[in-house]
Amino acid sequence: MSSLNEHVQQNRNGKDEALEAILAAIVAQAAELQDYADSPRAAEGLKNLAEAYAWLHRPGQPH
């Protein structure tokens, strides 16, 4: 049973690391969007990062 608990904990740690990385990328992309407010590519990148975060944070919800 501890093997299952270890597996769950490792997956949670990986998910938390992924969420933190996506949040950092969102902050960086938002800063870039301020510099290039008329850039559709920058806006699309921010939208894609937000969707990735949503999928990790609430995987059971439609996005």
PDB file of N, CA and C in Angstrom:
ATOM      1  N   MET A   1       0.821  -1.192   0.000  1.00  0.00           N
ATOM      2  CA  MET A   1       0.000   0.000   0.000  1.00  0.00           C
ATOM      3  C   MET A   1       0.866   1.256   0.000  1.00  0.00           C
ATOM      4  N   SER A   2       2.027   1.196   0.645  1.00  0.00           N
ATOM      5  CA  SER A   2       2.883   2.388   0.642  1.00  0.00           C
ATOM      6  C   SER A   2       3.367   2.701  -0.764  1.00  0.00           C
ATOM      7  N   SER A   3       3.482   1.695  -1.614  1.00  0.00           N
ATOM      8  CA  SER A   3       3.888   1.918  -2.990  1.00  0.00           C
ATOM      9  C   SER A   3       2.853   2.784  -3.716  1.00  0.00           C
ATOM     10  N   LEU A   4       1.589   2.512  -3.485  1.00  0.00           N
ATOM     11  CA  LEU A   4       0.524   3.319  -4.082  1.00  0.00           C
ATOM     12  C   LEU A   4       0.573   4.747  -3.539  1.00  0.00           C
ATOM     13  N   ASN A   5       0.752   4.882  -2.253  1.00  0.00           N
ATOM     14  CA  ASN A   5       0.847   6.214  -1.648  1.00  0.00           C
ATOM     15  C   ASN A   5       2.040   6.992  -2.201  1.00  0.00           C
ATOM     16  N   GLU A   6       3.168   6.315  -2.375  1.00  0.00           N
ATOM     17  CA  GLU A   6       4.344   6.967  -2.939  1.00  0.00           C
ATOM     18  C   GLU A   6       4.081   7.414  -4.373  1.00  0.00           C
ATOM     19  N   HIS A   7       3.412   6.568  -5.137  1.00  0.00           N
ATOM     20  CA  HIS A   7       3.082   6.907  -6.532  1.00  0.00           C
ATOM     21  C   HIS A   7       2.167   8.132  -6.585  1.00  0.00           C
ATOM     22  N   VAL A   8       1.163   8.157  -5.743  1.00  0.00           N
ATOM     23  CA  VAL A   8       0.236   9.298  -5.702  1.00  0.00           C
ATOM     24  C   VAL A   8       0.986  10.560  -5.319  1.00  0.00           C
ATOM     25  N   GLN A   9       1.856  10.477  -4.324  1.00  0.00           N
ATOM     26  CA  GLN A   9       2.602  11.656  -3.884  1.00  0.00           C
ATOM     27  C   GLN A   9       3.532  12.156  -4.974  1.00  0.00           C
ATOM     28  N   GLN A  10       4.186  11.259  -5.683  1.00  0.00           N
ATOM     29  CA  GLN A  10       5.074  11.669  -6.774  1.00  0.00           C
ATOM     30  C   GLN A  10       4.286  12.360  -7.873  1.00  0.00           C
ATOM     31  N   ASN A  11       3.099  11.852  -8.182  1.00  0.00           N
ATOM     32  CA  ASN A  11       2.269  12.480  -9.206  1.00  0.00           C
ATOM     33  C   ASN A  11       1.801  13.855  -8.757  1.00  0.00           C
ATOM     34  N   ARG A  12       1.473  13.989  -7.495  1.00  0.00           N
ATOM     35  CA  ARG A  12       1.070  15.303  -6.973  1.00  0.00           C
ATOM     36  C   ARG A  12       2.230  16.288  -7.057  1.00  0.00           C
ATOM     37  N   ASN A  13       3.427  15.821  -6.688  1.00  0.00           N
ATOM     38  CA  ASN A  13       4.598  16.690  -6.753  1.00  0.00           C
ATOM     39  C   ASN A  13       4.858  17.137  -8.184  1.00  0.00           C
ATOM     40  N   GLY A  14       4.744  16.212  -9.129  1.00  0.00           N
ATOM     41  CA  GLY A  14       4.940  16.547 -10.532  1.00  0.00           C
ATOM     42  C   GLY A  14       3.892  17.535 -11.020  1.00  0.00           C
ATOM     43  N   LYS A  15       2.654  17.330 -10.594  1.00  0.00           N
ATOM     44  CA  LYS A  15       1.575  18.246 -10.982  1.00  0.00           C
ATOM     45  C   LYS A  15       1.837  19.628 -10.403  1.00  0.00           C
ATOM     46  N   ASP A  16       2.232  19.693  -9.146  1.00  0.00           N
ATOM     47  CA  ASP A  16       2.521  20.989  -8.513  1.00  0.00           C
ATOM     48  C   ASP A  16       3.659  21.702  -9.228  1.00  0.00           C
ATOM     49  N   GLU A  17       4.692  20.945  -9.598  1.00  0.00           N
ATOM     50  CA  GLU A  17       5.814  21.540 -10.325  1.00  0.00           C
ATOM     51  C   GLU A  17       5.359  22.067 -11.685  1.00  0.00           C
ATOM     52  N   ALA A  18       4.507  21.315 -12.355  1.00  0.00           N
ATOM     53  CA  ALA A  18       3.998  21.752 -13.657  1.00  0.00           C
ATOM     54  C   ALA A  18       3.149  23.010 -13.507  1.00  0.00           C
ATOM     55  N   LEU A  19       2.295  23.042 -12.494  1.00  0.00           N
ATOM     56  CA  LEU A  19       1.471  24.235 -12.262  1.00  0.00           C
ATOM     57  C   LEU A  19       2.335  25.462 -11.987  1.00  0.00           C
ATOM     58  N   GLU A  20       3.360  25.289 -11.176  1.00  0.00           N
ATOM     59  CA  GLU A  20       4.260  26.405 -10.874  1.00  0.00           C
ATOM     60  C   GLU A  20       4.983  26.882 -12.131  1.00  0.00           C
ATOM     61  N   ALA A  21       5.421  25.945 -12.953  1.00  0.00           N
ATOM     62  CA  ALA A  21       6.111  26.317 -14.193  1.00  0.00           C
ATOM     63  C   ALA A  21       5.175  27.057 -15.140  1.00  0.00           C
ATOM     64  N   ILE A  22       3.938  26.594 -15.237  1.00  0.00           N
ATOM     65  CA  ILE A  22       2.973  27.272 -16.113  1.00  0.00           C
ATOM     66  C   ILE A  22       2.651  28.657 -15.576  1.00  0.00           C
ATOM     67  N   LEU A  23       2.485  28.777 -14.267  1.00  0.00           N
ATOM     68  CA  LEU A  23       2.217  30.101 -13.690  1.00  0.00           C
ATOM     69  C   LEU A  23       3.367  31.069 -13.962  1.00  0.00           C
ATOM     70  N   ALA A  24       4.591  30.594 -13.845  1.00  0.00           N
ATOM     71  CA  ALA A  24       5.744  31.446 -14.137  1.00  0.00           C
ATOM     72  C   ALA A  24       5.741  31.861 -15.607  1.00  0.00           C
ATOM     73  N   ALA A  25       5.389  30.921 -16.486  1.00  0.00           N
ATOM     74  CA  ALA A  25       5.323  31.243 -17.911  1.00  0.00           C
ATOM     75  C   ALA A  25       4.198  32.230 -18.202  1.00  0.00           C
ATOM     76  N   ILE A  26       3.077  32.115 -17.490  1.00  0.00           N
ATOM     77  CA  ILE A  26       1.964  33.062 -17.664  1.00  0.00           C
ATOM     78  C   ILE A  26       2.413  34.468 -17.280  1.00  0.00           C
ATOM     79  N   VAL A  27       3.108  34.586 -16.167  1.00  0.00           N
ATOM     80  CA  VAL A  27       3.602  35.902 -15.732  1.00  0.00           C
ATOM     81  C   VAL A  27       4.547  36.486 -16.772  1.00  0.00           C
ATOM     82  N   ALA A  28       5.460  35.668 -17.271  1.00  0.00           N
ATOM     83  CA  ALA A  28       6.408  36.141 -18.282  1.00  0.00           C
ATOM     84  C   ALA A  28       5.682  36.534 -19.567  1.00  0.00           C
ATOM     85  N   GLN A  29       4.719  35.726 -19.983  1.00  0.00           N
ATOM     86  CA  GLN A  29       3.978  36.020 -21.207  1.00  0.00           C
ATOM     87  C   GLN A  29       3.126  37.272 -21.045  1.00  0.00           C
ATOM     88  N   ALA A  30       2.528  37.454 -19.883  1.00  0.00           N
ATOM     89  CA  ALA A  30       1.722  38.656 -19.631  1.00  0.00           C
ATOM     90  C   ALA A  30       2.589  39.907 -19.680  1.00  0.00           C
ATOM     91  N   ALA A  31       3.803  39.817 -19.155  1.00  0.00           N
ATOM     92  CA  ALA A  31       4.725  40.956 -19.217  1.00  0.00           C
ATOM     93  C   ALA A  31       5.074  41.270 -20.663  1.00  0.00           C
ATOM     94  N   GLU A  32       5.289  40.224 -21.461  1.00  0.00           N
ATOM     95  CA  GLU A  32       5.602  40.433 -22.868  1.00  0.00           C
ATOM     96  C   GLU A  32       4.400  41.021 -23.613  1.00  0.00           C
ATOM     97  N   LEU A  33       3.216  40.621 -23.217  1.00  0.00           N
ATOM     98  CA  LEU A  33       2.006  41.137 -23.854  1.00  0.00           C
ATOM     99  C   LEU A  33       1.866  42.640 -23.610  1.00  0.00           C
ATOM    100  N   GLN A  34       2.333  43.107 -22.457  1.00  0.00           N
ATOM    101  CA  GLN A  34       2.310  44.554 -22.188  1.00  0.00           C
ATOM    102  C   GLN A  34       3.192  45.295 -23.186  1.00  0.00           C
ATOM    103  N   ASP A  35       4.311  44.690 -23.554  1.00  0.00           N
ATOM    104  CA  ASP A  35       5.235  45.321 -24.507  1.00  0.00           C
ATOM    105  C   ASP A  35       4.723  45.223 -25.938  1.00  0.00           C
ATOM    106  N   TYR A  36       3.959  44.178 -26.224  1.00  0.00           N
ATOM    107  CA  TYR A  36       3.469  43.928 -27.582  1.00  0.00           C
ATOM    108  C   TYR A  36       1.958  43.726 -27.554  1.00  0.00           C
ATOM    109  N   ALA A  37       1.245  44.734 -27.077  1.00  0.00           N
ATOM    110  CA  ALA A  37      -0.193  44.624 -26.841  1.00  0.00           C
ATOM    111  C   ALA A  37      -0.975  44.293 -28.107  1.00  0.00           C
ATOM    112  N   ASP A  38      -0.460  44.659 -29.264  1.00  0.00           N
ATOM    113  CA  ASP A  38      -1.187  44.396 -30.497  1.00  0.00           C
ATOM    114  C   ASP A  38      -0.757  43.090 -31.169  1.00  0.00           C
ATOM    115  N   SER A  39      -0.004  42.269 -30.467  1.00  0.00           N
ATOM    116  CA  SER A  39       0.502  41.023 -31.048  1.00  0.00           C
ATOM    117  C   SER A  39      -0.478  39.874 -30.823  1.00  0.00           C
ATOM    118  N   PRO A  40      -1.101  39.388 -31.887  1.00  0.00           N
ATOM    119  CA  PRO A  40      -2.004  38.240 -31.731  1.00  0.00           C
ATOM    120  C   PRO A  40      -1.268  36.989 -31.249  1.00  0.00           C
ATOM    121  N   ARG A  41      -0.006  36.839 -31.639  1.00  0.00           N
ATOM    122  CA  ARG A  41       0.758  35.656 -31.212  1.00  0.00           C
ATOM    123  C   ARG A  41       1.006  35.672 -29.705  1.00  0.00           C
ATOM    124  N   ALA A  42       1.300  36.852 -29.160  1.00  0.00           N
ATOM    125  CA  ALA A  42       1.521  36.942 -27.715  1.00  0.00           C
ATOM    126  C   ALA A  42       0.226  36.648 -26.961  1.00  0.00           C
ATOM    127  N   ALA A  43      -0.885  37.158 -27.458  1.00  0.00           N
ATOM    128  CA  ALA A  43      -2.178  36.904 -26.821  1.00  0.00           C
ATOM    129  C   ALA A  43      -2.540  35.422 -26.917  1.00  0.00           C
ATOM    130  N   GLU A  44      -2.286  34.818 -28.074  1.00  0.00           N
ATOM    131  CA  GLU A  44      -2.566  33.392 -28.257  1.00  0.00           C
ATOM    132  C   GLU A  44      -1.713  32.545 -27.309  1.00  0.00           C
ATOM    133  N   GLY A  45      -0.457  32.923 -27.145  1.00  0.00           N
ATOM    134  CA  GLY A  45       0.415  32.209 -26.213  1.00  0.00           C
ATOM    135  C   GLY A  45      -0.097  32.281 -24.791  1.00  0.00           C
ATOM    136  N   LEU A  46      -0.569  33.441 -24.389  1.00  0.00           N
ATOM    137  CA  LEU A  46      -1.113  33.603 -23.035  1.00  0.00           C
ATOM    138  C   LEU A  46      -2.370  32.756 -22.873  1.00  0.00           C
ATOM    139  N   LYS A  47      -3.232  32.744 -23.872  1.00  0.00           N
ATOM    140  CA  LYS A  47      -4.447  31.932 -23.824  1.00  0.00           C
ATOM    141  C   LYS A  47      -4.097  30.446 -23.716  1.00  0.00           C
ATOM    142  N   ASN A  48      -3.113  30.006 -24.486  1.00  0.00           N
ATOM    143  CA  ASN A  48      -2.706  28.604 -24.444  1.00  0.00           C
ATOM    144  C   ASN A  48      -2.146  28.216 -23.083  1.00  0.00           C
ATOM    145  N   LEU A  49      -1.375  29.091 -22.483  1.00  0.00           N
ATOM    146  CA  LEU A  49      -0.835  28.821 -21.146  1.00  0.00           C
ATOM    147  C   LEU A  49      -1.956  28.742 -20.114  1.00  0.00           C
ATOM    148  N   ALA A  50      -2.928  29.644 -20.230  1.00  0.00           N
ATOM    149  CA  ALA A  50      -4.054  29.626 -19.295  1.00  0.00           C
ATOM    150  C   ALA A  50      -4.851  28.326 -19.434  1.00  0.00           C
ATOM    151  N   GLU A  51      -5.031  27.865 -20.653  1.00  0.00           N
ATOM    152  CA  GLU A  51      -5.740  26.601 -20.861  1.00  0.00           C
ATOM    153  C   GLU A  51      -4.948  25.424 -20.292  1.00  0.00           C
ATOM    154  N   ALA A  52      -3.646  25.440 -20.470  1.00  0.00           N
ATOM    155  CA  ALA A  52      -2.815  24.370 -19.909  1.00  0.00           C
ATOM    156  C   ALA A  52      -2.931  24.343 -18.396  1.00  0.00           C
ATOM    157  N   TYR A  53      -2.918  25.514 -17.780  1.00  0.00           N
ATOM    158  CA  TYR A  53      -3.070  25.592 -16.330  1.00  0.00           C
ATOM    159  C   TYR A  53      -4.428  25.033 -15.918  1.00  0.00           C
ATOM    160  N   ALA A  54      -5.470  25.429 -16.637  1.00  0.00           N
ATOM    161  CA  ALA A  54      -6.819  24.969 -16.301  1.00  0.00           C
ATOM    162  C   ALA A  54      -6.932  23.450 -16.404  1.00  0.00           C
ATOM    163  N   TRP A  55      -6.327  22.867 -17.434  1.00  0.00           N
ATOM    164  CA  TRP A  55      -6.379  21.417 -17.596  1.00  0.00           C
ATOM    165  C   TRP A  55      -5.686  20.704 -16.440  1.00  0.00           C
ATOM    166  N   LEU A  56      -4.556  21.238 -15.987  1.00  0.00           N
ATOM    167  CA  LEU A  56      -3.860  20.610 -14.862  1.00  0.00           C
ATOM    168  C   LEU A  56      -4.587  20.838 -13.543  1.00  0.00           C
ATOM    169  N   HIS A  57      -5.113  22.034 -13.360  1.00  0.00           N
ATOM    170  CA  HIS A  57      -5.730  22.384 -12.082  1.00  0.00           C
ATOM    171  C   HIS A  57      -7.094  21.721 -11.914  1.00  0.00           C
ATOM    172  N   ARG A  58      -7.880  21.665 -12.965  1.00  0.00           N
ATOM    173  CA  ARG A  58      -9.216  21.061 -12.923  1.00  0.00           C
ATOM    174  C   ARG A  58      -9.405  20.138 -14.128  1.00  0.00           C
ATOM    175  N   PRO A  59      -8.763  18.978 -14.128  1.00  0.00           N
ATOM    176  CA  PRO A  59      -8.796  18.113 -15.308  1.00  0.00           C
ATOM    177  C   PRO A  59     -10.196  17.578 -15.640  1.00  0.00           C
ATOM    178  N   GLY A  60     -11.067  17.499 -14.685  1.00  0.00           N
ATOM    179  CA  GLY A  60     -12.399  16.956 -14.926  1.00  0.00           C
ATOM    180  C   GLY A  60     -13.389  17.947 -15.504  1.00  0.00           C
ATOM    181  N   GLN A  61     -13.002  19.200 -15.599  1.00  0.00           N
ATOM    182  CA  GLN A  61     -13.893  20.241 -16.113  1.00  0.00           C
ATOM    183  C   GLN A  61     -13.675  20.434 -17.606  1.00  0.00           C
ATOM    184  N   PRO A  62     -14.754  20.782 -18.337  1.00  0.00           N
ATOM    185  CA  PRO A  62     -14.546  21.114 -19.755  1.00  0.00           C
ATOM    186  C   PRO A  62     -13.823  22.441 -19.884  1.00  0.00           C
ATOM    187  N   HIS A  63     -12.905  22.524 -20.837  1.00  0.00           N
ATOM    188  CA  HIS A  63     -12.134  23.751 -21.033  1.00  0.00           C
ATOM    189  C   HIS A  63     -12.199  24.176 -22.466  1.00  0.00           C
TER     190      HIS A  63
END
